[in-house]
Amino acid sequence: MTGKLVYDVGFNIGQDSAFYLSQGHRVLAIEADPTLAGEGRKRFRREIEAGALEILNVGISHEDGEAEFWICEEKPEFNSFHRGIAARNGFANHSIRIPTARFASVLRRFGTPYFLKIDIEGNEMLCLDALTPSTLPAYVSIESECPVDAQPITANDGLRVLRKLRDLGYESFKLIDQFTFCSISSPPSLNYLVDAASRRWLTHSPLNRIRGTHRLSQRLMTKPKLERNLGWKFPLGSSGALGDDTAGRWITFEAAERAYKRHRELYFRSSDVAHHSFWCDWHAKVGVRSSASNATEIGAGSLESVDG
């Protein structure tokens, strides 16, 4: 197979893996829920048979072995090792026992990916903690924050992720708003301002009744532009583009820290937003030399010892 190795840690229903495959990449998908993993193997049977995709039914945890895992019965994207996440919004939930793996074990068996996407509802930092200078992906995408219970958190949680990325050796960052796929900066970029104005005046006002305004909004807003450029329709809940295909310019750690604090402050000025509804991803990029030396292909290893 051609293309680069991508890790989709938090496969869920496979929206991100489908996109990565469409771009010619080879994907190692990790999914804790055995039902979702099984459905994924049926949906992507051809890609699996072609060697473009492998789905591992394990949960990323502190140890290789087995642990209790919580299934959110109404919203599977809230499945988690933390019951408080699976029970958000009063959703019904139940626990199951699943096989677990340390992320370091996955890296040893399958090699360093070119791009690493992490979205596993509360255990994201375990993946970053397993990275070393010799196993740094060229690009990383990870949730900025994920409250594990009903208590609000502070901006320090999101900054903990950003600081960890910096300490690992990442030097360039983007904060991507997952509602719009815009890159957040402080002050806002022209692209962000155009996107916001298009949404306000062309899609959410009486102006949208005027012929041609919908087409104009699709030309101006970030997400539709990305979809045209990449030839892919991103469904709600997907992580979006990867690497340099993401919107906006790469910024320094200091600029990223400022952008995050400002954007989060503005978001939570509204008293009616849920404490867990702030939905941004950190994207990080290493230098060309170090990323080229670390990228490897999917190996012949398996997780048979932990993949139930």
C-alpha atoms as a PDB file:
ATOM      1  CA  MET A   1       0.000   0.000   0.000  1.00  0.00           C
ATOM      2  CA  THR A   2       1.097   3.576  -0.717  1.00  0.00           C
ATOM      3  CA  GLY A   3       0.369   6.473   1.575  1.00  0.00           C
ATOM      4  CA  LYS A   4       1.433   7.157   5.120  1.00  0.00           C
ATOM      5  CA  LEU A   5       0.604   5.363   8.357  1.00  0.00           C
ATOM      6  CA  VAL A   6      -2.142   7.043  10.378  1.00  0.00           C
ATOM      7  CA  TYR A   7      -3.322   6.069  13.856  1.00  0.00           C
ATOM      8  CA  ASP A   8      -7.029   6.654  14.538  1.00  0.00           C
ATOM      9  CA  VAL A   9      -7.126   6.273  18.330  1.00  0.00           C
ATOM     10  CA  GLY A  10     -10.841   6.433  19.051  1.00  0.00           C
ATOM     11  CA  PHE A  11     -12.315   4.870  15.889  1.00  0.00           C
ATOM     12  CA  ASN A  12     -15.947   4.993  17.104  1.00  0.00           C
ATOM     13  CA  ILE A  13     -18.126   4.631  13.964  1.00  0.00           C
ATOM     14  CA  GLY A  14     -15.193   5.123  11.601  1.00  0.00           C
ATOM     15  CA  GLN A  15     -15.814   8.622  10.250  1.00  0.00           C
ATOM     16  CA  ASP A  16     -12.187   9.677  10.570  1.00  0.00           C
ATOM     17  CA  SER A  17     -10.749   6.403   9.335  1.00  0.00           C
ATOM     18  CA  ALA A  18     -12.967   6.631   6.242  1.00  0.00           C
ATOM     19  CA  PHE A  19     -11.501  10.060   5.471  1.00  0.00           C
ATOM     20  CA  TYR A  20      -7.898   8.982   6.043  1.00  0.00           C
ATOM     21  CA  LEU A  21      -8.435   6.015   3.736  1.00  0.00           C
ATOM     22  CA  SER A  22      -9.965   8.280   1.081  1.00  0.00           C
ATOM     23  CA  GLN A  23      -6.734  10.291   1.089  1.00  0.00           C
ATOM     24  CA  GLY A  24      -4.675   7.184   0.345  1.00  0.00           C
ATOM     25  CA  HIS A  25      -3.333   6.607   3.866  1.00  0.00           C
ATOM     26  CA  ARG A  26      -3.009   3.308   5.696  1.00  0.00           C
ATOM     27  CA  VAL A  27      -4.841   3.283   9.006  1.00  0.00           C
ATOM     28  CA  LEU A  28      -4.399   1.551  12.324  1.00  0.00           C
ATOM     29  CA  ALA A  29      -7.706   2.153  14.126  1.00  0.00           C
ATOM     30  CA  ILE A  30      -8.117   1.542  17.860  1.00  0.00           C
ATOM     31  CA  GLU A  31     -11.596   1.064  19.318  1.00  0.00           C
ATOM     32  CA  ALA A  32     -12.474  -0.040  22.855  1.00  0.00           C
ATOM     33  CA  ASP A  33     -16.149  -0.891  22.252  1.00  0.00           C
ATOM     34  CA  PRO A  34     -16.370  -4.423  20.808  1.00  0.00           C
ATOM     35  CA  THR A  35     -19.695  -3.656  19.112  1.00  0.00           C
ATOM     36  CA  LEU A  36     -18.314  -0.639  17.281  1.00  0.00           C
ATOM     37  CA  ALA A  37     -15.140  -2.515  16.367  1.00  0.00           C
ATOM     38  CA  GLY A  38     -17.217  -5.366  14.940  1.00  0.00           C
ATOM     39  CA  GLU A  39     -19.413  -3.004  12.943  1.00  0.00           C
ATOM     40  CA  GLY A  40     -16.293  -1.302  11.626  1.00  0.00           C
ATOM     41  CA  ARG A  41     -14.822  -4.568  10.427  1.00  0.00           C
ATOM     42  CA  LYS A  42     -18.005  -5.227   8.457  1.00  0.00           C
ATOM     43  CA  ARG A  43     -18.168  -1.724   6.996  1.00  0.00           C
ATOM     44  CA  PHE A  44     -14.507  -1.687   5.985  1.00  0.00           C
ATOM     45  CA  ARG A  45     -14.159  -5.348   5.030  1.00  0.00           C
ATOM     46  CA  ARG A  46     -12.602  -4.554   1.649  1.00  0.00           C
ATOM     47  CA  GLU A  47     -10.101  -2.072   3.074  1.00  0.00           C
ATOM     48  CA  ILE A  48      -9.076  -4.578   5.744  1.00  0.00           C
ATOM     49  CA  GLU A  49      -8.642  -7.338   3.164  1.00  0.00           C
ATOM     50  CA  ALA A  50      -6.542  -4.975   1.029  1.00  0.00           C
ATOM     51  CA  GLY A  51      -4.242  -4.274   3.968  1.00  0.00           C
ATOM     52  CA  ALA A  52      -5.178  -0.583   4.133  1.00  0.00           C
ATOM     53  CA  LEU A  53      -6.847  -0.805   7.546  1.00  0.00           C
ATOM     54  CA  GLU A  54      -6.521  -2.763  10.755  1.00  0.00           C
ATOM     55  CA  ILE A  55      -8.971  -2.337  13.648  1.00  0.00           C
ATOM     56  CA  LEU A  56      -7.771  -3.225  17.147  1.00  0.00           C
ATOM     57  CA  ASN A  57     -10.468  -3.852  19.733  1.00  0.00           C
ATOM     58  CA  VAL A  58      -8.593  -2.580  22.798  1.00  0.00           C
ATOM     59  CA  GLY A  59      -8.896   0.321  25.188  1.00  0.00           C
ATOM     60  CA  ILE A  60      -5.813   2.456  25.836  1.00  0.00           C
ATOM     61  CA  SER A  61      -5.064   2.185  29.544  1.00  0.00           C
ATOM     62  CA  HIS A  62      -2.256   2.168  32.093  1.00  0.00           C
ATOM     63  CA  GLU A  63      -1.694  -1.584  31.717  1.00  0.00           C
ATOM     64  CA  ASP A  64      -1.908  -4.394  29.182  1.00  0.00           C
ATOM     65  CA  GLY A  65      -4.703  -6.631  30.401  1.00  0.00           C
ATOM     66  CA  GLU A  66      -8.416  -6.065  31.040  1.00  0.00           C
ATOM     67  CA  ALA A  67     -10.560  -3.367  32.690  1.00  0.00           C
ATOM     68  CA  GLU A  68     -14.087  -2.067  33.219  1.00  0.00           C
ATOM     69  CA  PHE A  69     -15.334   0.204  30.444  1.00  0.00           C
ATOM     70  CA  TRP A  70     -18.511   2.299  30.350  1.00  0.00           C
ATOM     71  CA  ILE A  71     -20.861   2.261  27.361  1.00  0.00           C
ATOM     72  CA  CYS A  72     -23.074   5.306  26.774  1.00  0.00           C
ATOM     73  CA  GLU A  73     -26.219   3.735  25.366  1.00  0.00           C
ATOM     74  CA  GLU A  74     -27.477   6.867  23.597  1.00  0.00           C
ATOM     75  CA  LYS A  75     -24.266   8.498  22.385  1.00  0.00           C
ATOM     76  CA  PRO A  76     -21.380   6.096  21.734  1.00  0.00           C
ATOM     77  CA  GLU A  77     -18.895   8.956  21.346  1.00  0.00           C
ATOM     78  CA  PHE A  78     -19.196   9.294  25.141  1.00  0.00           C
ATOM     79  CA  ASN A  79     -18.011   5.726  25.772  1.00  0.00           C
ATOM     80  CA  SER A  80     -15.207   5.926  28.322  1.00  0.00           C
ATOM     81  CA  PHE A  81     -13.240   4.339  31.135  1.00  0.00           C
ATOM     82  CA  HIS A  82     -14.742   7.170  33.205  1.00  0.00           C
ATOM     83  CA  ARG A  83     -18.390   6.651  34.105  1.00  0.00           C
ATOM     84  CA  GLY A  84     -18.941  10.391  34.528  1.00  0.00           C
ATOM     85  CA  ILE A  85     -18.334  10.847  30.796  1.00  0.00           C
ATOM     86  CA  ALA A  86     -20.590   7.977  29.716  1.00  0.00           C
ATOM     87  CA  ALA A  87     -23.342   9.348  31.974  1.00  0.00           C
ATOM     88  CA  ARG A  88     -23.277  12.910  30.609  1.00  0.00           C
ATOM     89  CA  ASN A  89     -26.676  14.542  30.081  1.00  0.00           C
ATOM     90  CA  GLY A  90     -28.261  11.763  32.106  1.00  0.00           C
ATOM     91  CA  PHE A  91     -27.670   9.203  29.352  1.00  0.00           C
ATOM     92  CA  ALA A  92     -28.206   5.543  30.248  1.00  0.00           C
ATOM     93  CA  ASN A  93     -24.960   3.610  30.570  1.00  0.00           C
ATOM     94  CA  HIS A  94     -23.609   0.220  31.533  1.00  0.00           C
ATOM     95  CA  SER A  95     -20.196  -1.334  32.071  1.00  0.00           C
ATOM     96  CA  ILE A  96     -18.437  -4.162  30.255  1.00  0.00           C
ATOM     97  CA  ARG A  97     -15.009  -5.778  30.559  1.00  0.00           C
ATOM     98  CA  ILE A  98     -12.664  -5.119  27.666  1.00  0.00           C
ATOM     99  CA  PRO A  99      -9.043  -5.886  26.762  1.00  0.00           C
ATOM    100  CA  THR A 100      -6.625  -3.021  27.400  1.00  0.00           C
ATOM    101  CA  ALA A 101      -3.229  -2.029  26.070  1.00  0.00           C
ATOM    102  CA  ARG A 102      -0.609   0.548  26.952  1.00  0.00           C
ATOM    103  CA  PHE A 103      -0.036   2.889  24.047  1.00  0.00           C
ATOM    104  CA  ALA A 104       3.667   2.071  24.246  1.00  0.00           C
ATOM    105  CA  SER A 105       2.756  -1.548  23.447  1.00  0.00           C
ATOM    106  CA  VAL A 106       0.909  -0.427  20.321  1.00  0.00           C
ATOM    107  CA  LEU A 107       3.850   1.695  19.168  1.00  0.00           C
ATOM    108  CA  ARG A 108       6.289  -1.176  19.652  1.00  0.00           C
ATOM    109  CA  ARG A 109       4.174  -3.556  17.575  1.00  0.00           C
ATOM    110  CA  PHE A 110       3.049  -1.259  14.785  1.00  0.00           C
ATOM    111  CA  GLY A 111       5.620   1.507  14.568  1.00  0.00           C
ATOM    112  CA  THR A 112       5.479   5.286  14.682  1.00  0.00           C
ATOM    113  CA  PRO A 113       2.667   6.875  12.658  1.00  0.00           C
ATOM    114  CA  TYR A 114       2.992   9.891  10.418  1.00  0.00           C
ATOM    115  CA  PHE A 115      -0.203  11.298  11.935  1.00  0.00           C
ATOM    116  CA  LEU A 116      -1.709  10.472  15.322  1.00  0.00           C
ATOM    117  CA  LYS A 117      -5.326  11.367  16.086  1.00  0.00           C
ATOM    118  CA  ILE A 118      -6.394  10.888  19.720  1.00  0.00           C
ATOM    119  CA  ASP A 119     -10.016  11.101  20.898  1.00  0.00           C
ATOM    120  CA  ILE A 120     -10.709   8.577  23.664  1.00  0.00           C
ATOM    121  CA  GLU A 121     -12.777  10.499  26.204  1.00  0.00           C
ATOM    122  CA  GLY A 122     -10.538  11.058  29.185  1.00  0.00           C
ATOM    123  CA  ASN A 123      -7.508   8.833  28.509  1.00  0.00           C
ATOM    124  CA  GLU A 124      -5.890  10.971  25.813  1.00  0.00           C
ATOM    125  CA  MET A 125      -2.866  11.896  27.919  1.00  0.00           C
ATOM    126  CA  LEU A 126      -1.870   8.232  28.205  1.00  0.00           C
ATOM    127  CA  CYS A 127      -1.023   8.341  24.509  1.00  0.00           C
ATOM    128  CA  LEU A 128       1.114  11.461  24.824  1.00  0.00           C
ATOM    129  CA  ASP A 129       2.815  10.081  27.926  1.00  0.00           C
ATOM    130  CA  ALA A 130       3.949   7.050  25.896  1.00  0.00           C
ATOM    131  CA  LEU A 131       5.686   9.108  23.203  1.00  0.00           C
ATOM    132  CA  THR A 132       9.460   9.501  23.198  1.00  0.00           C
ATOM    133  CA  PRO A 133      11.853  11.516  21.019  1.00  0.00           C
ATOM    134  CA  SER A 134      12.258   8.462  18.788  1.00  0.00           C
ATOM    135  CA  THR A 135       8.510   7.812  18.410  1.00  0.00           C
ATOM    136  CA  LEU A 136       7.132  11.293  17.741  1.00  0.00           C
ATOM    137  CA  PRO A 137       4.596  11.391  14.893  1.00  0.00           C
ATOM    138  CA  ALA A 138       5.101  14.237  12.452  1.00  0.00           C
ATOM    139  CA  TYR A 139       1.610  15.486  13.297  1.00  0.00           C
ATOM    140  CA  VAL A 140      -0.726  15.017  16.259  1.00  0.00           C
ATOM    141  CA  SER A 141      -4.385  15.883  16.803  1.00  0.00           C
ATOM    142  CA  ILE A 142      -5.839  15.622  20.312  1.00  0.00           C
ATOM    143  CA  GLU A 143      -8.864  16.953  22.185  1.00  0.00           C
ATOM    144  CA  SER A 144      -8.003  20.177  24.011  1.00  0.00           C
ATOM    145  CA  GLU A 145      -9.883  19.099  27.151  1.00  0.00           C
ATOM    146  CA  CYS A 146     -12.270  16.421  28.356  1.00  0.00           C
ATOM    147  CA  PRO A 147     -13.987  16.782  31.773  1.00  0.00           C
ATOM    148  CA  VAL A 148     -14.349  13.359  33.371  1.00  0.00           C
ATOM    149  CA  ASP A 149     -17.216  14.228  35.707  1.00  0.00           C
ATOM    150  CA  ALA A 150     -19.956  16.801  36.247  1.00  0.00           C
ATOM    151  CA  GLN A 151     -17.578  19.408  37.647  1.00  0.00           C
ATOM    152  CA  PRO A 152     -16.400  22.269  35.389  1.00  0.00           C
ATOM    153  CA  ILE A 153     -12.676  22.448  34.727  1.00  0.00           C
ATOM    154  CA  THR A 154     -10.395  25.402  34.131  1.00  0.00           C
ATOM    155  CA  ALA A 155      -8.294  26.431  31.170  1.00  0.00           C
ATOM    156  CA  ASN A 156      -5.313  24.759  32.828  1.00  0.00           C
ATOM    157  CA  ASP A 157      -6.504  21.361  31.643  1.00  0.00           C
ATOM    158  CA  GLY A 158      -6.315  22.396  28.005  1.00  0.00           C
ATOM    159  CA  LEU A 159      -2.996  24.068  28.616  1.00  0.00           C
ATOM    160  CA  ARG A 160      -1.723  20.872  30.226  1.00  0.00           C
ATOM    161  CA  VAL A 161      -2.187  19.154  26.861  1.00  0.00           C
ATOM    162  CA  LEU A 162      -0.517  22.001  24.981  1.00  0.00           C
ATOM    163  CA  ARG A 163       2.410  22.091  27.401  1.00  0.00           C
ATOM    164  CA  LYS A 164       2.884  18.352  27.102  1.00  0.00           C
ATOM    165  CA  LEU A 165       3.061  18.649  23.316  1.00  0.00           C
ATOM    166  CA  ARG A 166       5.664  21.407  23.668  1.00  0.00           C
ATOM    167  CA  ASP A 167       7.720  19.368  26.135  1.00  0.00           C
ATOM    168  CA  LEU A 168       7.692  16.409  23.754  1.00  0.00           C
ATOM    169  CA  GLY A 169       9.352  18.576  21.116  1.00  0.00           C
ATOM    170  CA  TYR A 170       6.479  19.927  19.027  1.00  0.00           C
ATOM    171  CA  GLU A 171       7.117  23.509  17.974  1.00  0.00           C
ATOM    172  CA  SER A 172       4.161  24.519  15.771  1.00  0.00           C
ATOM    173  CA  PHE A 173       0.503  24.450  16.803  1.00  0.00           C
ATOM    174  CA  LYS A 174      -3.058  25.062  15.687  1.00  0.00           C
ATOM    175  CA  LEU A 175      -6.203  25.250  17.796  1.00  0.00           C
ATOM    176  CA  ILE A 176      -9.029  23.987  15.583  1.00  0.00           C
ATOM    177  CA  ASP A 177     -12.642  24.753  16.459  1.00  0.00           C
ATOM    178  CA  GLN A 178     -14.461  21.490  15.721  1.00  0.00           C
ATOM    179  CA  PHE A 179     -17.773  23.232  15.049  1.00  0.00           C
ATOM    180  CA  THR A 180     -16.364  25.308  12.191  1.00  0.00           C
ATOM    181  CA  PHE A 181     -12.943  23.734  11.454  1.00  0.00           C
ATOM    182  CA  CYS A 182     -11.479  27.254  11.736  1.00  0.00           C
ATOM    183  CA  SER A 183      -8.038  27.820  13.203  1.00  0.00           C
ATOM    184  CA  ILE A 184      -8.233  30.003  16.314  1.00  0.00           C
ATOM    185  CA  SER A 185      -5.787  32.833  16.903  1.00  0.00           C
ATOM    186  CA  SER A 186      -5.646  36.018  18.980  1.00  0.00           C
ATOM    187  CA  PRO A 187      -6.366  38.425  17.404  1.00  0.00           C
ATOM    188  CA  PRO A 188      -8.690  36.472  15.069  1.00  0.00           C
ATOM    189  CA  SER A 189      -7.436  35.814  11.552  1.00  0.00           C
ATOM    190  CA  LEU A 190      -9.171  37.245   8.478  1.00  0.00           C
ATOM    191  CA  ASN A 191     -10.257  33.715   7.579  1.00  0.00           C
ATOM    192  CA  TYR A 192     -11.962  33.309  10.971  1.00  0.00           C
ATOM    193  CA  LEU A 193     -13.701  36.693  10.713  1.00  0.00           C
ATOM    194  CA  VAL A 194     -14.985  35.921   7.204  1.00  0.00           C
ATOM    195  CA  ASP A 195     -16.244  32.531   8.364  1.00  0.00           C
ATOM    196  CA  ALA A 196     -18.030  34.041  11.371  1.00  0.00           C
ATOM    197  CA  ALA A 197     -19.620  36.800   9.271  1.00  0.00           C
ATOM    198  CA  SER A 198     -20.753  34.292   6.654  1.00  0.00           C
ATOM    199  CA  ARG A 199     -22.432  32.143   9.274  1.00  0.00           C
ATOM    200  CA  ARG A 200     -24.115  35.092  10.911  1.00  0.00           C
ATOM    201  CA  TRP A 201     -25.313  37.017   7.869  1.00  0.00           C
ATOM    202  CA  LEU A 202     -25.611  34.409   5.140  1.00  0.00           C
ATOM    203  CA  THR A 203     -26.841  31.296   6.962  1.00  0.00           C
ATOM    204  CA  HIS A 204     -28.507  32.445  10.197  1.00  0.00           C
ATOM    205  CA  SER A 205     -30.361  35.607   9.213  1.00  0.00           C
ATOM    206  CA  PRO A 206     -33.219  36.559   6.864  1.00  0.00           C
ATOM    207  CA  LEU A 207     -30.579  37.193   4.211  1.00  0.00           C
ATOM    208  CA  ASN A 208     -30.360  33.438   3.632  1.00  0.00           C
ATOM    209  CA  ARG A 209     -33.674  33.672   1.761  1.00  0.00           C
ATOM    210  CA  ILE A 210     -32.050  35.719  -0.966  1.00  0.00           C
ATOM    211  CA  ARG A 211     -31.120  33.681  -3.989  1.00  0.00           C
ATOM    212  CA  GLY A 212     -27.425  32.911  -4.158  1.00  0.00           C
ATOM    213  CA  THR A 213     -26.581  33.574  -0.505  1.00  0.00           C
ATOM    214  CA  HIS A 214     -26.229  29.864   0.325  1.00  0.00           C
ATOM    215  CA  ARG A 215     -23.813  29.374  -2.548  1.00  0.00           C
ATOM    216  CA  LEU A 216     -21.856  32.440  -1.444  1.00  0.00           C
ATOM    217  CA  SER A 217     -21.666  31.192   2.149  1.00  0.00           C
ATOM    218  CA  GLN A 218     -20.313  27.855   0.926  1.00  0.00           C
ATOM    219  CA  ARG A 219     -17.568  29.693  -0.946  1.00  0.00           C
ATOM    220  CA  LEU A 220     -16.580  31.725   2.107  1.00  0.00           C
ATOM    221  CA  MET A 221     -16.876  29.349   5.086  1.00  0.00           C
ATOM    222  CA  THR A 222     -13.916  27.221   6.128  1.00  0.00           C
ATOM    223  CA  LYS A 223     -15.487  23.781   6.402  1.00  0.00           C
ATOM    224  CA  PRO A 224     -17.093  23.775   2.927  1.00  0.00           C
ATOM    225  CA  LYS A 225     -13.823  25.043   1.438  1.00  0.00           C
ATOM    226  CA  LEU A 226     -11.904  22.205   3.078  1.00  0.00           C
ATOM    227  CA  GLU A 227     -14.462  19.706   1.799  1.00  0.00           C
ATOM    228  CA  ARG A 228     -14.084  20.971  -1.773  1.00  0.00           C
ATOM    229  CA  ASN A 229     -10.293  20.938  -1.588  1.00  0.00           C
ATOM    230  CA  LEU A 230     -10.119  17.433  -0.131  1.00  0.00           C
ATOM    231  CA  GLY A 231     -13.048  15.898  -2.008  1.00  0.00           C
ATOM    232  CA  TRP A 232     -14.702  14.765   1.202  1.00  0.00           C
ATOM    233  CA  LYS A 233     -17.863  15.621   3.153  1.00  0.00           C
ATOM    234  CA  PHE A 234     -17.086  15.785   6.866  1.00  0.00           C
ATOM    235  CA  PRO A 235     -20.069  14.588   8.942  1.00  0.00           C
ATOM    236  CA  LEU A 236     -20.800  16.156  12.310  1.00  0.00           C
ATOM    237  CA  GLY A 237     -18.467  14.703  14.930  1.00  0.00           C
ATOM    238  CA  SER A 238     -15.557  13.984  12.612  1.00  0.00           C
ATOM    239  CA  SER A 239     -12.103  15.340  13.396  1.00  0.00           C
ATOM    240  CA  GLY A 240     -11.605  16.901   9.972  1.00  0.00           C
ATOM    241  CA  ALA A 241      -8.433  17.474   7.980  1.00  0.00           C
ATOM    242  CA  LEU A 242      -4.984  16.387   9.104  1.00  0.00           C
ATOM    243  CA  GLY A 243      -1.565  17.955   9.110  1.00  0.00           C
ATOM    244  CA  ASP A 244      -0.940  20.869   6.764  1.00  0.00           C
ATOM    245  CA  ASP A 245      -4.393  20.444   5.202  1.00  0.00           C
ATOM    246  CA  THR A 246      -5.976  21.962   8.316  1.00  0.00           C
ATOM    247  CA  ALA A 247      -7.106  25.579   8.079  1.00  0.00           C
ATOM    248  CA  GLY A 248      -4.948  28.504   9.166  1.00  0.00           C
ATOM    249  CA  ARG A 249      -1.267  28.958   9.807  1.00  0.00           C
ATOM    250  CA  TRP A 250       0.921  27.193  12.333  1.00  0.00           C
ATOM    251  CA  ILE A 251       1.656  29.349  15.390  1.00  0.00           C
ATOM    252  CA  THR A 252       4.107  29.289  18.292  1.00  0.00           C
ATOM    253  CA  PHE A 253       3.423  27.862  21.724  1.00  0.00           C
ATOM    254  CA  GLU A 254       2.985  31.336  23.196  1.00  0.00           C
ATOM    255  CA  ALA A 255       0.517  32.362  20.503  1.00  0.00           C
ATOM    256  CA  ALA A 256      -1.383  29.100  20.889  1.00  0.00           C
ATOM    257  CA  GLU A 257      -1.636  29.611  24.642  1.00  0.00           C
ATOM    258  CA  ARG A 258      -3.059  33.105  24.158  1.00  0.00           C
ATOM    259  CA  ALA A 259      -5.520  31.939  21.516  1.00  0.00           C
ATOM    260  CA  TYR A 260      -6.816  29.120  23.692  1.00  0.00           C
ATOM    261  CA  LYS A 261      -7.338  31.291  26.766  1.00  0.00           C
ATOM    262  CA  ARG A 262      -9.174  33.957  24.792  1.00  0.00           C
ATOM    263  CA  HIS A 263     -11.367  31.584  22.782  1.00  0.00           C
ATOM    264  CA  ARG A 264     -12.325  29.571  25.845  1.00  0.00           C
ATOM    265  CA  GLU A 265     -13.107  32.693  27.858  1.00  0.00           C
ATOM    266  CA  LEU A 266     -15.448  33.974  25.142  1.00  0.00           C
ATOM    267  CA  TYR A 267     -17.142  30.603  24.758  1.00  0.00           C
ATOM    268  CA  PHE A 268     -17.977  30.249  28.448  1.00  0.00           C
ATOM    269  CA  ARG A 269     -19.308  33.783  28.774  1.00  0.00           C
ATOM    270  CA  SER A 270     -22.651  32.236  27.860  1.00  0.00           C
ATOM    271  CA  SER A 271     -24.191  30.712  30.979  1.00  0.00           C
ATOM    272  CA  ASP A 272     -26.276  28.153  29.101  1.00  0.00           C
ATOM    273  CA  VAL A 273     -23.447  26.089  27.569  1.00  0.00           C
ATOM    274  CA  ALA A 274     -22.612  22.701  29.067  1.00  0.00           C
ATOM    275  CA  HIS A 275     -19.272  22.455  30.853  1.00  0.00           C
ATOM    276  CA  HIS A 276     -18.205  19.639  28.506  1.00  0.00           C
ATOM    277  CA  SER A 277     -19.318  21.311  25.257  1.00  0.00           C
ATOM    278  CA  PHE A 278     -16.118  23.259  24.498  1.00  0.00           C
ATOM    279  CA  TRP A 279     -15.015  21.384  21.401  1.00  0.00           C
ATOM    280  CA  CYS A 280     -11.557  22.162  20.097  1.00  0.00           C
ATOM    281  CA  ASP A 281      -8.592  20.050  19.046  1.00  0.00           C
ATOM    282  CA  TRP A 282      -4.917  20.816  19.425  1.00  0.00           C
ATOM    283  CA  HIS A 283      -2.869  20.071  16.314  1.00  0.00           C
ATOM    284  CA  ALA A 284       0.897  19.936  16.645  1.00  0.00           C
ATOM    285  CA  LYS A 285       3.742  19.620  14.131  1.00  0.00           C
ATOM    286  CA  VAL A 286       7.382  18.661  14.488  1.00  0.00           C
ATOM    287  CA  GLY A 287      10.299  19.619  12.247  1.00  0.00           C
ATOM    288  CA  VAL A 288      10.723  17.915   8.880  1.00  0.00           C
ATOM    289  CA  ARG A 289      13.942  16.132   9.805  1.00  0.00           C
ATOM    290  CA  SER A 290      12.710  14.475  12.982  1.00  0.00           C
ATOM    291  CA  SER A 291       9.339  13.498  11.513  1.00  0.00           C
ATOM    292  CA  ALA A 292      10.927  11.871   8.454  1.00  0.00           C
ATOM    293  CA  SER A 293      13.235   9.784  10.596  1.00  0.00           C
ATOM    294  CA  ASN A 294      10.406   8.498  12.794  1.00  0.00           C
ATOM    295  CA  ALA A 295       7.659   7.589  10.298  1.00  0.00           C
ATOM    296  CA  THR A 296       7.329   3.844   9.698  1.00  0.00           C
ATOM    297  CA  GLU A 297       4.957   1.461   8.022  1.00  0.00           C
ATOM    298  CA  ILE A 298       2.445  -0.876   9.648  1.00  0.00           C
ATOM    299  CA  GLY A 299       4.456  -3.854  10.750  1.00  0.00           C
ATOM    300  CA  ALA A 300       3.653  -7.532  10.862  1.00  0.00           C
ATOM    301  CA  GLY A 301       2.942  -7.453  14.587  1.00  0.00           C
ATOM    302  CA  SER A 302      -0.463  -7.914  16.181  1.00  0.00           C
ATOM    303  CA  LEU A 303      -2.099  -7.369  19.522  1.00  0.00           C
ATOM    304  CA  GLU A 304      -3.368 -10.936  19.850  1.00  0.00           C
ATOM    305  CA  SER A 305      -2.284 -11.005  23.481  1.00  0.00           C
ATOM    306  CA  VAL A 306      -4.582  -8.097  24.338  1.00  0.00           C
ATOM    307  CA  ASP A 307      -7.073  -7.961  21.449  1.00  0.00           C
ATOM    308  CA  GLY A 308     -10.033 -10.000  22.567  1.00  0.00           C
END
